Amino acid sequence: YEVPGQWQGRTRDLRVVGDSNAGG
């Protein structure tokens, strides 16, 4: 689920942090 050319794994002016462990 890589999105080429975007910011996965790196940030600029970080504002939001989270986790997608919905059921847990």
PDBML (XML) file of the C-alpha atoms, coordinates in Angstrom:
<?xml version="1.0" encoding="UTF-8" ?>
<PDBx:datablock datablockName="MODEL"
   xmlns:PDBx="http://pdbml.pdb.org/schema/pdbx-v50.xsd"
   xmlns:xsi="http://www.w3.org/2001/XMLSchema-instance"
   xsi:schemaLocation="http://pdbml.pdb.org/schema/pdbx-v50.xsd pdbx-v50.xsd">
   <PDBx:atom_siteCategory>
      <PDBx:atom_site id="1">
         <PDBx:B_iso_or_equiv>0.00</PDBx:B_iso_or_equiv>
         <PDBx:Cartn_x>0.000</PDBx:Cartn_x>
         <PDBx:Cartn_y>0.000</PDBx:Cartn_y>
         <PDBx:Cartn_z>0.000</PDBx:Cartn_z>
         <PDBx:auth_asym_id>A</PDBx:auth_asym_id>
         <PDBx:auth_atom_id>CA</PDBx:auth_atom_id>
         <PDBx:auth_comp_id>TYR</PDBx:auth_comp_id>
         <PDBx:auth_seq_id>1</PDBx:auth_seq_id>
         <PDBx:group_PDB>ATOM</PDBx:group_PDB>
         <PDBx:label_alt_id xsi:nil="true" />
         <PDBx:label_asym_id>A</PDBx:label_asym_id>
         <PDBx:label_atom_id>CA</PDBx:label_atom_id>
         <PDBx:label_comp_id>TYR</PDBx:label_comp_id>
         <PDBx:label_entity_id>1</PDBx:label_entity_id>
         <PDBx:label_seq_id>1</PDBx:label_seq_id>
         <PDBx:occupancy>1.00</PDBx:occupancy>
         <PDBx:pdbx_PDB_model_num>1</PDBx:pdbx_PDB_model_num>
         <PDBx:type_symbol>C</PDBx:type_symbol>
      </PDBx:atom_site>
      <PDBx:atom_site id="2">
         <PDBx:B_iso_or_equiv>0.00</PDBx:B_iso_or_equiv>
         <PDBx:Cartn_x>2.818</PDBx:Cartn_x>
         <PDBx:Cartn_y>2.322</PDBx:Cartn_y>
         <PDBx:Cartn_z>-0.938</PDBx:Cartn_z>
         <PDBx:auth_asym_id>A</PDBx:auth_asym_id>
         <PDBx:auth_atom_id>CA</PDBx:auth_atom_id>
         <PDBx:auth_comp_id>GLU</PDBx:auth_comp_id>
         <PDBx:auth_seq_id>2</PDBx:auth_seq_id>
         <PDBx:group_PDB>ATOM</PDBx:group_PDB>
         <PDBx:label_alt_id xsi:nil="true" />
         <PDBx:label_asym_id>A</PDBx:label_asym_id>
         <PDBx:label_atom_id>CA</PDBx:label_atom_id>
         <PDBx:label_comp_id>GLU</PDBx:label_comp_id>
         <PDBx:label_entity_id>1</PDBx:label_entity_id>
         <PDBx:label_seq_id>2</PDBx:label_seq_id>
         <PDBx:occupancy>1.00</PDBx:occupancy>
         <PDBx:pdbx_PDB_model_num>1</PDBx:pdbx_PDB_model_num>
         <PDBx:type_symbol>C</PDBx:type_symbol>
      </PDBx:atom_site>
      <PDBx:atom_site id="3">
         <PDBx:B_iso_or_equiv>0.00</PDBx:B_iso_or_equiv>
         <PDBx:Cartn_x>1.814</PDBx:Cartn_x>
         <PDBx:Cartn_y>5.714</PDBx:Cartn_y>
         <PDBx:Cartn_z>-2.347</PDBx:Cartn_z>
         <PDBx:auth_asym_id>A</PDBx:auth_asym_id>
         <PDBx:auth_atom_id>CA</PDBx:auth_atom_id>
         <PDBx:auth_comp_id>VAL</PDBx:auth_comp_id>
         <PDBx:auth_seq_id>3</PDBx:auth_seq_id>
         <PDBx:group_PDB>ATOM</PDBx:group_PDB>
         <PDBx:label_alt_id xsi:nil="true" />
         <PDBx:label_asym_id>A</PDBx:label_asym_id>
         <PDBx:label_atom_id>CA</PDBx:label_atom_id>
         <PDBx:label_comp_id>VAL</PDBx:label_comp_id>
         <PDBx:label_entity_id>1</PDBx:label_entity_id>
         <PDBx:label_seq_id>3</PDBx:label_seq_id>
         <PDBx:occupancy>1.00</PDBx:occupancy>
         <PDBx:pdbx_PDB_model_num>1</PDBx:pdbx_PDB_model_num>
         <PDBx:type_symbol>C</PDBx:type_symbol>
      </PDBx:atom_site>
      <PDBx:atom_site id="4">
         <PDBx:B_iso_or_equiv>0.00</PDBx:B_iso_or_equiv>
         <PDBx:Cartn_x>4.593</PDBx:Cartn_x>
         <PDBx:Cartn_y>6.728</PDBx:Cartn_y>
         <PDBx:Cartn_z>-4.752</PDBx:Cartn_z>
         <PDBx:auth_asym_id>A</PDBx:auth_asym_id>
         <PDBx:auth_atom_id>CA</PDBx:auth_atom_id>
         <PDBx:auth_comp_id>PRO</PDBx:auth_comp_id>
         <PDBx:auth_seq_id>4</PDBx:auth_seq_id>
         <PDBx:group_PDB>ATOM</PDBx:group_PDB>
         <PDBx:label_alt_id xsi:nil="true" />
         <PDBx:label_asym_id>A</PDBx:label_asym_id>
         <PDBx:label_atom_id>CA</PDBx:label_atom_id>
         <PDBx:label_comp_id>PRO</PDBx:label_comp_id>
         <PDBx:label_entity_id>1</PDBx:label_entity_id>
         <PDBx:label_seq_id>4</PDBx:label_seq_id>
         <PDBx:occupancy>1.00</PDBx:occupancy>
         <PDBx:pdbx_PDB_model_num>1</PDBx:pdbx_PDB_model_num>
         <PDBx:type_symbol>C</PDBx:type_symbol>
      </PDBx:atom_site>
      <PDBx:atom_site id="5">
         <PDBx:B_iso_or_equiv>0.00</PDBx:B_iso_or_equiv>
         <PDBx:Cartn_x>5.871</PDBx:Cartn_x>
         <PDBx:Cartn_y>10.274</PDBx:Cartn_y>
         <PDBx:Cartn_z>-4.551</PDBx:Cartn_z>
         <PDBx:auth_asym_id>A</PDBx:auth_asym_id>
         <PDBx:auth_atom_id>CA</PDBx:auth_atom_id>
         <PDBx:auth_comp_id>GLY</PDBx:auth_comp_id>
         <PDBx:auth_seq_id>5</PDBx:auth_seq_id>
         <PDBx:group_PDB>ATOM</PDBx:group_PDB>
         <PDBx:label_alt_id xsi:nil="true" />
         <PDBx:label_asym_id>A</PDBx:label_asym_id>
         <PDBx:label_atom_id>CA</PDBx:label_atom_id>
         <PDBx:label_comp_id>GLY</PDBx:label_comp_id>
         <PDBx:label_entity_id>1</PDBx:label_entity_id>
         <PDBx:label_seq_id>5</PDBx:label_seq_id>
         <PDBx:occupancy>1.00</PDBx:occupancy>
         <PDBx:pdbx_PDB_model_num>1</PDBx:pdbx_PDB_model_num>
         <PDBx:type_symbol>C</PDBx:type_symbol>
      </PDBx:atom_site>
      <PDBx:atom_site id="6">
         <PDBx:B_iso_or_equiv>0.00</PDBx:B_iso_or_equiv>
         <PDBx:Cartn_x>4.235</PDBx:Cartn_x>
         <PDBx:Cartn_y>11.069</PDBx:Cartn_y>
         <PDBx:Cartn_z>-1.223</PDBx:Cartn_z>
         <PDBx:auth_asym_id>A</PDBx:auth_asym_id>
         <PDBx:auth_atom_id>CA</PDBx:auth_atom_id>
         <PDBx:auth_comp_id>GLN</PDBx:auth_comp_id>
         <PDBx:auth_seq_id>6</PDBx:auth_seq_id>
         <PDBx:group_PDB>ATOM</PDBx:group_PDB>
         <PDBx:label_alt_id xsi:nil="true" />
         <PDBx:label_asym_id>A</PDBx:label_asym_id>
         <PDBx:label_atom_id>CA</PDBx:label_atom_id>
         <PDBx:label_comp_id>GLN</PDBx:label_comp_id>
         <PDBx:label_entity_id>1</PDBx:label_entity_id>
         <PDBx:label_seq_id>6</PDBx:label_seq_id>
         <PDBx:occupancy>1.00</PDBx:occupancy>
         <PDBx:pdbx_PDB_model_num>1</PDBx:pdbx_PDB_model_num>
         <PDBx:type_symbol>C</PDBx:type_symbol>
      </PDBx:atom_site>
      <PDBx:atom_site id="7">
         <PDBx:B_iso_or_equiv>0.00</PDBx:B_iso_or_equiv>
         <PDBx:Cartn_x>5.338</PDBx:Cartn_x>
         <PDBx:Cartn_y>11.132</PDBx:Cartn_y>
         <PDBx:Cartn_z>2.423</PDBx:Cartn_z>
         <PDBx:auth_asym_id>A</PDBx:auth_asym_id>
         <PDBx:auth_atom_id>CA</PDBx:auth_atom_id>
         <PDBx:auth_comp_id>TRP</PDBx:auth_comp_id>
         <PDBx:auth_seq_id>7</PDBx:auth_seq_id>
         <PDBx:group_PDB>ATOM</PDBx:group_PDB>
         <PDBx:label_alt_id xsi:nil="true" />
         <PDBx:label_asym_id>A</PDBx:label_asym_id>
         <PDBx:label_atom_id>CA</PDBx:label_atom_id>
         <PDBx:label_comp_id>TRP</PDBx:label_comp_id>
         <PDBx:label_entity_id>1</PDBx:label_entity_id>
         <PDBx:label_seq_id>7</PDBx:label_seq_id>
         <PDBx:occupancy>1.00</PDBx:occupancy>
         <PDBx:pdbx_PDB_model_num>1</PDBx:pdbx_PDB_model_num>
         <PDBx:type_symbol>C</PDBx:type_symbol>
      </PDBx:atom_site>
      <PDBx:atom_site id="8">
         <PDBx:B_iso_or_equiv>0.00</PDBx:B_iso_or_equiv>
         <PDBx:Cartn_x>5.021</PDBx:Cartn_x>
         <PDBx:Cartn_y>7.628</PDBx:Cartn_y>
         <PDBx:Cartn_z>3.867</PDBx:Cartn_z>
         <PDBx:auth_asym_id>A</PDBx:auth_asym_id>
         <PDBx:auth_atom_id>CA</PDBx:auth_atom_id>
         <PDBx:auth_comp_id>GLN</PDBx:auth_comp_id>
         <PDBx:auth_seq_id>8</PDBx:auth_seq_id>
         <PDBx:group_PDB>ATOM</PDBx:group_PDB>
         <PDBx:label_alt_id xsi:nil="true" />
         <PDBx:label_asym_id>A</PDBx:label_asym_id>
         <PDBx:label_atom_id>CA</PDBx:label_atom_id>
         <PDBx:label_comp_id>GLN</PDBx:label_comp_id>
         <PDBx:label_entity_id>1</PDBx:label_entity_id>
         <PDBx:label_seq_id>8</PDBx:label_seq_id>
         <PDBx:occupancy>1.00</PDBx:occupancy>
         <PDBx:pdbx_PDB_model_num>1</PDBx:pdbx_PDB_model_num>
         <PDBx:type_symbol>C</PDBx:type_symbol>
      </PDBx:atom_site>
      <PDBx:atom_site id="9">
         <PDBx:B_iso_or_equiv>0.00</PDBx:B_iso_or_equiv>
         <PDBx:Cartn_x>7.766</PDBx:Cartn_x>
         <PDBx:Cartn_y>7.110</PDBx:Cartn_y>
         <PDBx:Cartn_z>6.428</PDBx:Cartn_z>
         <PDBx:auth_asym_id>A</PDBx:auth_asym_id>
         <PDBx:auth_atom_id>CA</PDBx:auth_atom_id>
         <PDBx:auth_comp_id>GLY</PDBx:auth_comp_id>
         <PDBx:auth_seq_id>9</PDBx:auth_seq_id>
         <PDBx:group_PDB>ATOM</PDBx:group_PDB>
         <PDBx:label_alt_id xsi:nil="true" />
         <PDBx:label_asym_id>A</PDBx:label_asym_id>
         <PDBx:label_atom_id>CA</PDBx:label_atom_id>
         <PDBx:label_comp_id>GLY</PDBx:label_comp_id>
         <PDBx:label_entity_id>1</PDBx:label_entity_id>
         <PDBx:label_seq_id>9</PDBx:label_seq_id>
         <PDBx:occupancy>1.00</PDBx:occupancy>
         <PDBx:pdbx_PDB_model_num>1</PDBx:pdbx_PDB_model_num>
         <PDBx:type_symbol>C</PDBx:type_symbol>
      </PDBx:atom_site>
      <PDBx:atom_site id="10">
         <PDBx:B_iso_or_equiv>0.00</PDBx:B_iso_or_equiv>
         <PDBx:Cartn_x>8.761</PDBx:Cartn_x>
         <PDBx:Cartn_y>10.767</PDBx:Cartn_y>
         <PDBx:Cartn_z>6.559</PDBx:Cartn_z>
         <PDBx:auth_asym_id>A</PDBx:auth_asym_id>
         <PDBx:auth_atom_id>CA</PDBx:auth_atom_id>
         <PDBx:auth_comp_id>ARG</PDBx:auth_comp_id>
         <PDBx:auth_seq_id>10</PDBx:auth_seq_id>
         <PDBx:group_PDB>ATOM</PDBx:group_PDB>
         <PDBx:label_alt_id xsi:nil="true" />
         <PDBx:label_asym_id>A</PDBx:label_asym_id>
         <PDBx:label_atom_id>CA</PDBx:label_atom_id>
         <PDBx:label_comp_id>ARG</PDBx:label_comp_id>
         <PDBx:label_entity_id>1</PDBx:label_entity_id>
         <PDBx:label_seq_id>10</PDBx:label_seq_id>
         <PDBx:occupancy>1.00</PDBx:occupancy>
         <PDBx:pdbx_PDB_model_num>1</PDBx:pdbx_PDB_model_num>
         <PDBx:type_symbol>C</PDBx:type_symbol>
      </PDBx:atom_site>
      <PDBx:atom_site id="11">
         <PDBx:B_iso_or_equiv>0.00</PDBx:B_iso_or_equiv>
         <PDBx:Cartn_x>7.100</PDBx:Cartn_x>
         <PDBx:Cartn_y>14.040</PDBx:Cartn_y>
         <PDBx:Cartn_z>7.493</PDBx:Cartn_z>
         <PDBx:auth_asym_id>A</PDBx:auth_asym_id>
         <PDBx:auth_atom_id>CA</PDBx:auth_atom_id>
         <PDBx:auth_comp_id>THR</PDBx:auth_comp_id>
         <PDBx:auth_seq_id>11</PDBx:auth_seq_id>
         <PDBx:group_PDB>ATOM</PDBx:group_PDB>
         <PDBx:label_alt_id xsi:nil="true" />
         <PDBx:label_asym_id>A</PDBx:label_asym_id>
         <PDBx:label_atom_id>CA</PDBx:label_atom_id>
         <PDBx:label_comp_id>THR</PDBx:label_comp_id>
         <PDBx:label_entity_id>1</PDBx:label_entity_id>
         <PDBx:label_seq_id>11</PDBx:label_seq_id>
         <PDBx:occupancy>1.00</PDBx:occupancy>
         <PDBx:pdbx_PDB_model_num>1</PDBx:pdbx_PDB_model_num>
         <PDBx:type_symbol>C</PDBx:type_symbol>
      </PDBx:atom_site>
      <PDBx:atom_site id="12">
         <PDBx:B_iso_or_equiv>0.00</PDBx:B_iso_or_equiv>
         <PDBx:Cartn_x>7.176</PDBx:Cartn_x>
         <PDBx:Cartn_y>17.787</PDBx:Cartn_y>
         <PDBx:Cartn_z>7.005</PDBx:Cartn_z>
         <PDBx:auth_asym_id>A</PDBx:auth_asym_id>
         <PDBx:auth_atom_id>CA</PDBx:auth_atom_id>
         <PDBx:auth_comp_id>ARG</PDBx:auth_comp_id>
         <PDBx:auth_seq_id>12</PDBx:auth_seq_id>
         <PDBx:group_PDB>ATOM</PDBx:group_PDB>
         <PDBx:label_alt_id xsi:nil="true" />
         <PDBx:label_asym_id>A</PDBx:label_asym_id>
         <PDBx:label_atom_id>CA</PDBx:label_atom_id>
         <PDBx:label_comp_id>ARG</PDBx:label_comp_id>
         <PDBx:label_entity_id>1</PDBx:label_entity_id>
         <PDBx:label_seq_id>12</PDBx:label_seq_id>
         <PDBx:occupancy>1.00</PDBx:occupancy>
         <PDBx:pdbx_PDB_model_num>1</PDBx:pdbx_PDB_model_num>
         <PDBx:type_symbol>C</PDBx:type_symbol>
      </PDBx:atom_site>
      <PDBx:atom_site id="13">
         <PDBx:B_iso_or_equiv>0.00</PDBx:B_iso_or_equiv>
         <PDBx:Cartn_x>5.701</PDBx:Cartn_x>
         <PDBx:Cartn_y>19.968</PDBx:Cartn_y>
         <PDBx:Cartn_z>9.759</PDBx:Cartn_z>
         <PDBx:auth_asym_id>A</PDBx:auth_asym_id>
         <PDBx:auth_atom_id>CA</PDBx:auth_atom_id>
         <PDBx:auth_comp_id>ASP</PDBx:auth_comp_id>
         <PDBx:auth_seq_id>13</PDBx:auth_seq_id>
         <PDBx:group_PDB>ATOM</PDBx:group_PDB>
         <PDBx:label_alt_id xsi:nil="true" />
         <PDBx:label_asym_id>A</PDBx:label_asym_id>
         <PDBx:label_atom_id>CA</PDBx:label_atom_id>
         <PDBx:label_comp_id>ASP</PDBx:label_comp_id>
         <PDBx:label_entity_id>1</PDBx:label_entity_id>
         <PDBx:label_seq_id>13</PDBx:label_seq_id>
         <PDBx:occupancy>1.00</PDBx:occupancy>
         <PDBx:pdbx_PDB_model_num>1</PDBx:pdbx_PDB_model_num>
         <PDBx:type_symbol>C</PDBx:type_symbol>
      </PDBx:atom_site>
      <PDBx:atom_site id="14">
         <PDBx:B_iso_or_equiv>0.00</PDBx:B_iso_or_equiv>
         <PDBx:Cartn_x>4.274</PDBx:Cartn_x>
         <PDBx:Cartn_y>16.948</PDBx:Cartn_y>
         <PDBx:Cartn_z>11.630</PDBx:Cartn_z>
         <PDBx:auth_asym_id>A</PDBx:auth_asym_id>
         <PDBx:auth_atom_id>CA</PDBx:auth_atom_id>
         <PDBx:auth_comp_id>LEU</PDBx:auth_comp_id>
         <PDBx:auth_seq_id>14</PDBx:auth_seq_id>
         <PDBx:group_PDB>ATOM</PDBx:group_PDB>
         <PDBx:label_alt_id xsi:nil="true" />
         <PDBx:label_asym_id>A</PDBx:label_asym_id>
         <PDBx:label_atom_id>CA</PDBx:label_atom_id>
         <PDBx:label_comp_id>LEU</PDBx:label_comp_id>
         <PDBx:label_entity_id>1</PDBx:label_entity_id>
         <PDBx:label_seq_id>14</PDBx:label_seq_id>
         <PDBx:occupancy>1.00</PDBx:occupancy>
         <PDBx:pdbx_PDB_model_num>1</PDBx:pdbx_PDB_model_num>
         <PDBx:type_symbol>C</PDBx:type_symbol>
      </PDBx:atom_site>
      <PDBx:atom_site id="15">
         <PDBx:B_iso_or_equiv>0.00</PDBx:B_iso_or_equiv>
         <PDBx:Cartn_x>0.831</PDBx:Cartn_x>
         <PDBx:Cartn_y>17.622</PDBx:Cartn_y>
         <PDBx:Cartn_z>13.118</PDBx:Cartn_z>
         <PDBx:auth_asym_id>A</PDBx:auth_asym_id>
         <PDBx:auth_atom_id>CA</PDBx:auth_atom_id>
         <PDBx:auth_comp_id>ARG</PDBx:auth_comp_id>
         <PDBx:auth_seq_id>15</PDBx:auth_seq_id>
         <PDBx:group_PDB>ATOM</PDBx:group_PDB>
         <PDBx:label_alt_id xsi:nil="true" />
         <PDBx:label_asym_id>A</PDBx:label_asym_id>
         <PDBx:label_atom_id>CA</PDBx:label_atom_id>
         <PDBx:label_comp_id>ARG</PDBx:label_comp_id>
         <PDBx:label_entity_id>1</PDBx:label_entity_id>
         <PDBx:label_seq_id>15</PDBx:label_seq_id>
         <PDBx:occupancy>1.00</PDBx:occupancy>
         <PDBx:pdbx_PDB_model_num>1</PDBx:pdbx_PDB_model_num>
         <PDBx:type_symbol>C</PDBx:type_symbol>
      </PDBx:atom_site>
      <PDBx:atom_site id="16">
         <PDBx:B_iso_or_equiv>0.00</PDBx:B_iso_or_equiv>
         <PDBx:Cartn_x>-0.964</PDBx:Cartn_x>
         <PDBx:Cartn_y>14.264</PDBx:Cartn_y>
         <PDBx:Cartn_z>13.435</PDBx:Cartn_z>
         <PDBx:auth_asym_id>A</PDBx:auth_asym_id>
         <PDBx:auth_atom_id>CA</PDBx:auth_atom_id>
         <PDBx:auth_comp_id>VAL</PDBx:auth_comp_id>
         <PDBx:auth_seq_id>16</PDBx:auth_seq_id>
         <PDBx:group_PDB>ATOM</PDBx:group_PDB>
         <PDBx:label_alt_id xsi:nil="true" />
         <PDBx:label_asym_id>A</PDBx:label_asym_id>
         <PDBx:label_atom_id>CA</PDBx:label_atom_id>
         <PDBx:label_comp_id>VAL</PDBx:label_comp_id>
         <PDBx:label_entity_id>1</PDBx:label_entity_id>
         <PDBx:label_seq_id>16</PDBx:label_seq_id>
         <PDBx:occupancy>1.00</PDBx:occupancy>
         <PDBx:pdbx_PDB_model_num>1</PDBx:pdbx_PDB_model_num>
         <PDBx:type_symbol>C</PDBx:type_symbol>
      </PDBx:atom_site>
      <PDBx:atom_site id="17">
         <PDBx:B_iso_or_equiv>0.00</PDBx:B_iso_or_equiv>
         <PDBx:Cartn_x>0.234</PDBx:Cartn_x>
         <PDBx:Cartn_y>10.967</PDBx:Cartn_y>
         <PDBx:Cartn_z>14.944</PDBx:Cartn_z>
         <PDBx:auth_asym_id>A</PDBx:auth_asym_id>
         <PDBx:auth_atom_id>CA</PDBx:auth_atom_id>
         <PDBx:auth_comp_id>VAL</PDBx:auth_comp_id>
         <PDBx:auth_seq_id>17</PDBx:auth_seq_id>
         <PDBx:group_PDB>ATOM</PDBx:group_PDB>
         <PDBx:label_alt_id xsi:nil="true" />
         <PDBx:label_asym_id>A</PDBx:label_asym_id>
         <PDBx:label_atom_id>CA</PDBx:label_atom_id>
         <PDBx:label_comp_id>VAL</PDBx:label_comp_id>
         <PDBx:label_entity_id>1</PDBx:label_entity_id>
         <PDBx:label_seq_id>17</PDBx:label_seq_id>
         <PDBx:occupancy>1.00</PDBx:occupancy>
         <PDBx:pdbx_PDB_model_num>1</PDBx:pdbx_PDB_model_num>
         <PDBx:type_symbol>C</PDBx:type_symbol>
      </PDBx:atom_site>
      <PDBx:atom_site id="18">
         <PDBx:B_iso_or_equiv>0.00</PDBx:B_iso_or_equiv>
         <PDBx:Cartn_x>-1.867</PDBx:Cartn_x>
         <PDBx:Cartn_y>7.825</PDBx:Cartn_y>
         <PDBx:Cartn_z>15.343</PDBx:Cartn_z>
         <PDBx:auth_asym_id>A</PDBx:auth_asym_id>
         <PDBx:auth_atom_id>CA</PDBx:auth_atom_id>
         <PDBx:auth_comp_id>GLY</PDBx:auth_comp_id>
         <PDBx:auth_seq_id>18</PDBx:auth_seq_id>
         <PDBx:group_PDB>ATOM</PDBx:group_PDB>
         <PDBx:label_alt_id xsi:nil="true" />
         <PDBx:label_asym_id>A</PDBx:label_asym_id>
         <PDBx:label_atom_id>CA</PDBx:label_atom_id>
         <PDBx:label_comp_id>GLY</PDBx:label_comp_id>
         <PDBx:label_entity_id>1</PDBx:label_entity_id>
         <PDBx:label_seq_id>18</PDBx:label_seq_id>
         <PDBx:occupancy>1.00</PDBx:occupancy>
         <PDBx:pdbx_PDB_model_num>1</PDBx:pdbx_PDB_model_num>
         <PDBx:type_symbol>C</PDBx:type_symbol>
      </PDBx:atom_site>
      <PDBx:atom_site id="19">
         <PDBx:B_iso_or_equiv>0.00</PDBx:B_iso_or_equiv>
         <PDBx:Cartn_x>-2.332</PDBx:Cartn_x>
         <PDBx:Cartn_y>4.081</PDBx:Cartn_y>
         <PDBx:Cartn_z>15.023</PDBx:Cartn_z>
         <PDBx:auth_asym_id>A</PDBx:auth_asym_id>
         <PDBx:auth_atom_id>CA</PDBx:auth_atom_id>
         <PDBx:auth_comp_id>ASP</PDBx:auth_comp_id>
         <PDBx:auth_seq_id>19</PDBx:auth_seq_id>
         <PDBx:group_PDB>ATOM</PDBx:group_PDB>
         <PDBx:label_alt_id xsi:nil="true" />
         <PDBx:label_asym_id>A</PDBx:label_asym_id>
         <PDBx:label_atom_id>CA</PDBx:label_atom_id>
         <PDBx:label_comp_id>ASP</PDBx:label_comp_id>
         <PDBx:label_entity_id>1</PDBx:label_entity_id>
         <PDBx:label_seq_id>19</PDBx:label_seq_id>
         <PDBx:occupancy>1.00</PDBx:occupancy>
         <PDBx:pdbx_PDB_model_num>1</PDBx:pdbx_PDB_model_num>
         <PDBx:type_symbol>C</PDBx:type_symbol>
      </PDBx:atom_site>
      <PDBx:atom_site id="20">
         <PDBx:B_iso_or_equiv>0.00</PDBx:B_iso_or_equiv>
         <PDBx:Cartn_x>-4.810</PDBx:Cartn_x>
         <PDBx:Cartn_y>2.015</PDBx:Cartn_y>
         <PDBx:Cartn_z>12.982</PDBx:Cartn_z>
         <PDBx:auth_asym_id>A</PDBx:auth_asym_id>
         <PDBx:auth_atom_id>CA</PDBx:auth_atom_id>
         <PDBx:auth_comp_id>SER</PDBx:auth_comp_id>
         <PDBx:auth_seq_id>20</PDBx:auth_seq_id>
         <PDBx:group_PDB>ATOM</PDBx:group_PDB>
         <PDBx:label_alt_id xsi:nil="true" />
         <PDBx:label_asym_id>A</PDBx:label_asym_id>
         <PDBx:label_atom_id>CA</PDBx:label_atom_id>
         <PDBx:label_comp_id>SER</PDBx:label_comp_id>
         <PDBx:label_entity_id>1</PDBx:label_entity_id>
         <PDBx:label_seq_id>20</PDBx:label_seq_id>
         <PDBx:occupancy>1.00</PDBx:occupancy>
         <PDBx:pdbx_PDB_model_num>1</PDBx:pdbx_PDB_model_num>
         <PDBx:type_symbol>C</PDBx:type_symbol>
      </PDBx:atom_site>
      <PDBx:atom_site id="21">
         <PDBx:B_iso_or_equiv>0.00</PDBx:B_iso_or_equiv>
         <PDBx:Cartn_x>-5.322</PDBx:Cartn_x>
         <PDBx:Cartn_y>-0.971</PDBx:Cartn_y>
         <PDBx:Cartn_z>15.292</PDBx:Cartn_z>
         <PDBx:auth_asym_id>A</PDBx:auth_asym_id>
         <PDBx:auth_atom_id>CA</PDBx:auth_atom_id>
         <PDBx:auth_comp_id>ASN</PDBx:auth_comp_id>
         <PDBx:auth_seq_id>21</PDBx:auth_seq_id>
         <PDBx:group_PDB>ATOM</PDBx:group_PDB>
         <PDBx:label_alt_id xsi:nil="true" />
         <PDBx:label_asym_id>A</PDBx:label_asym_id>
         <PDBx:label_atom_id>CA</PDBx:label_atom_id>
         <PDBx:label_comp_id>ASN</PDBx:label_comp_id>
         <PDBx:label_entity_id>1</PDBx:label_entity_id>
         <PDBx:label_seq_id>21</PDBx:label_seq_id>
         <PDBx:occupancy>1.00</PDBx:occupancy>
         <PDBx:pdbx_PDB_model_num>1</PDBx:pdbx_PDB_model_num>
         <PDBx:type_symbol>C</PDBx:type_symbol>
      </PDBx:atom_site>
      <PDBx:atom_site id="22">
         <PDBx:B_iso_or_equiv>0.00</PDBx:B_iso_or_equiv>
         <PDBx:Cartn_x>-9.125</PDBx:Cartn_x>
         <PDBx:Cartn_y>-0.697</PDBx:Cartn_y>
         <PDBx:Cartn_z>15.185</PDBx:Cartn_z>
         <PDBx:auth_asym_id>A</PDBx:auth_asym_id>
         <PDBx:auth_atom_id>CA</PDBx:auth_atom_id>
         <PDBx:auth_comp_id>ALA</PDBx:auth_comp_id>
         <PDBx:auth_seq_id>22</PDBx:auth_seq_id>
         <PDBx:group_PDB>ATOM</PDBx:group_PDB>
         <PDBx:label_alt_id xsi:nil="true" />
         <PDBx:label_asym_id>A</PDBx:label_asym_id>
         <PDBx:label_atom_id>CA</PDBx:label_atom_id>
         <PDBx:label_comp_id>ALA</PDBx:label_comp_id>
         <PDBx:label_entity_id>1</PDBx:label_entity_id>
         <PDBx:label_seq_id>22</PDBx:label_seq_id>
         <PDBx:occupancy>1.00</PDBx:occupancy>
         <PDBx:pdbx_PDB_model_num>1</PDBx:pdbx_PDB_model_num>
         <PDBx:type_symbol>C</PDBx:type_symbol>
      </PDBx:atom_site>
      <PDBx:atom_site id="23">
         <PDBx:B_iso_or_equiv>0.00</PDBx:B_iso_or_equiv>
         <PDBx:Cartn_x>-10.320</PDBx:Cartn_x>
         <PDBx:Cartn_y>-4.028</PDBx:Cartn_y>
         <PDBx:Cartn_z>16.581</PDBx:Cartn_z>
         <PDBx:auth_asym_id>A</PDBx:auth_asym_id>
         <PDBx:auth_atom_id>CA</PDBx:auth_atom_id>
         <PDBx:auth_comp_id>GLY</PDBx:auth_comp_id>
         <PDBx:auth_seq_id>23</PDBx:auth_seq_id>
         <PDBx:group_PDB>ATOM</PDBx:group_PDB>
         <PDBx:label_alt_id xsi:nil="true" />
         <PDBx:label_asym_id>A</PDBx:label_asym_id>
         <PDBx:label_atom_id>CA</PDBx:label_atom_id>
         <PDBx:label_comp_id>GLY</PDBx:label_comp_id>
         <PDBx:label_entity_id>1</PDBx:label_entity_id>
         <PDBx:label_seq_id>23</PDBx:label_seq_id>
         <PDBx:occupancy>1.00</PDBx:occupancy>
         <PDBx:pdbx_PDB_model_num>1</PDBx:pdbx_PDB_model_num>
         <PDBx:type_symbol>C</PDBx:type_symbol>
      </PDBx:atom_site>
      <PDBx:atom_site id="24">
         <PDBx:B_iso_or_equiv>0.00</PDBx:B_iso_or_equiv>
         <PDBx:Cartn_x>-7.648</PDBx:Cartn_x>
         <PDBx:Cartn_y>-4.078</PDBx:Cartn_y>
         <PDBx:Cartn_z>19.265</PDBx:Cartn_z>
         <PDBx:auth_asym_id>A</PDBx:auth_asym_id>
         <PDBx:auth_atom_id>CA</PDBx:auth_atom_id>
         <PDBx:auth_comp_id>GLY</PDBx:auth_comp_id>
         <PDBx:auth_seq_id>24</PDBx:auth_seq_id>
         <PDBx:group_PDB>ATOM</PDBx:group_PDB>
         <PDBx:label_alt_id xsi:nil="true" />
         <PDBx:label_asym_id>A</PDBx:label_asym_id>
         <PDBx:label_atom_id>CA</PDBx:label_atom_id>
         <PDBx:label_comp_id>GLY</PDBx:label_comp_id>
         <PDBx:label_entity_id>1</PDBx:label_entity_id>
         <PDBx:label_seq_id>24</PDBx:label_seq_id>
         <PDBx:occupancy>1.00</PDBx:occupancy>
         <PDBx:pdbx_PDB_model_num>1</PDBx:pdbx_PDB_model_num>
         <PDBx:type_symbol>C</PDBx:type_symbol>
      </PDBx:atom_site>
   </PDBx:atom_siteCategory>
</PDBx:datablock>
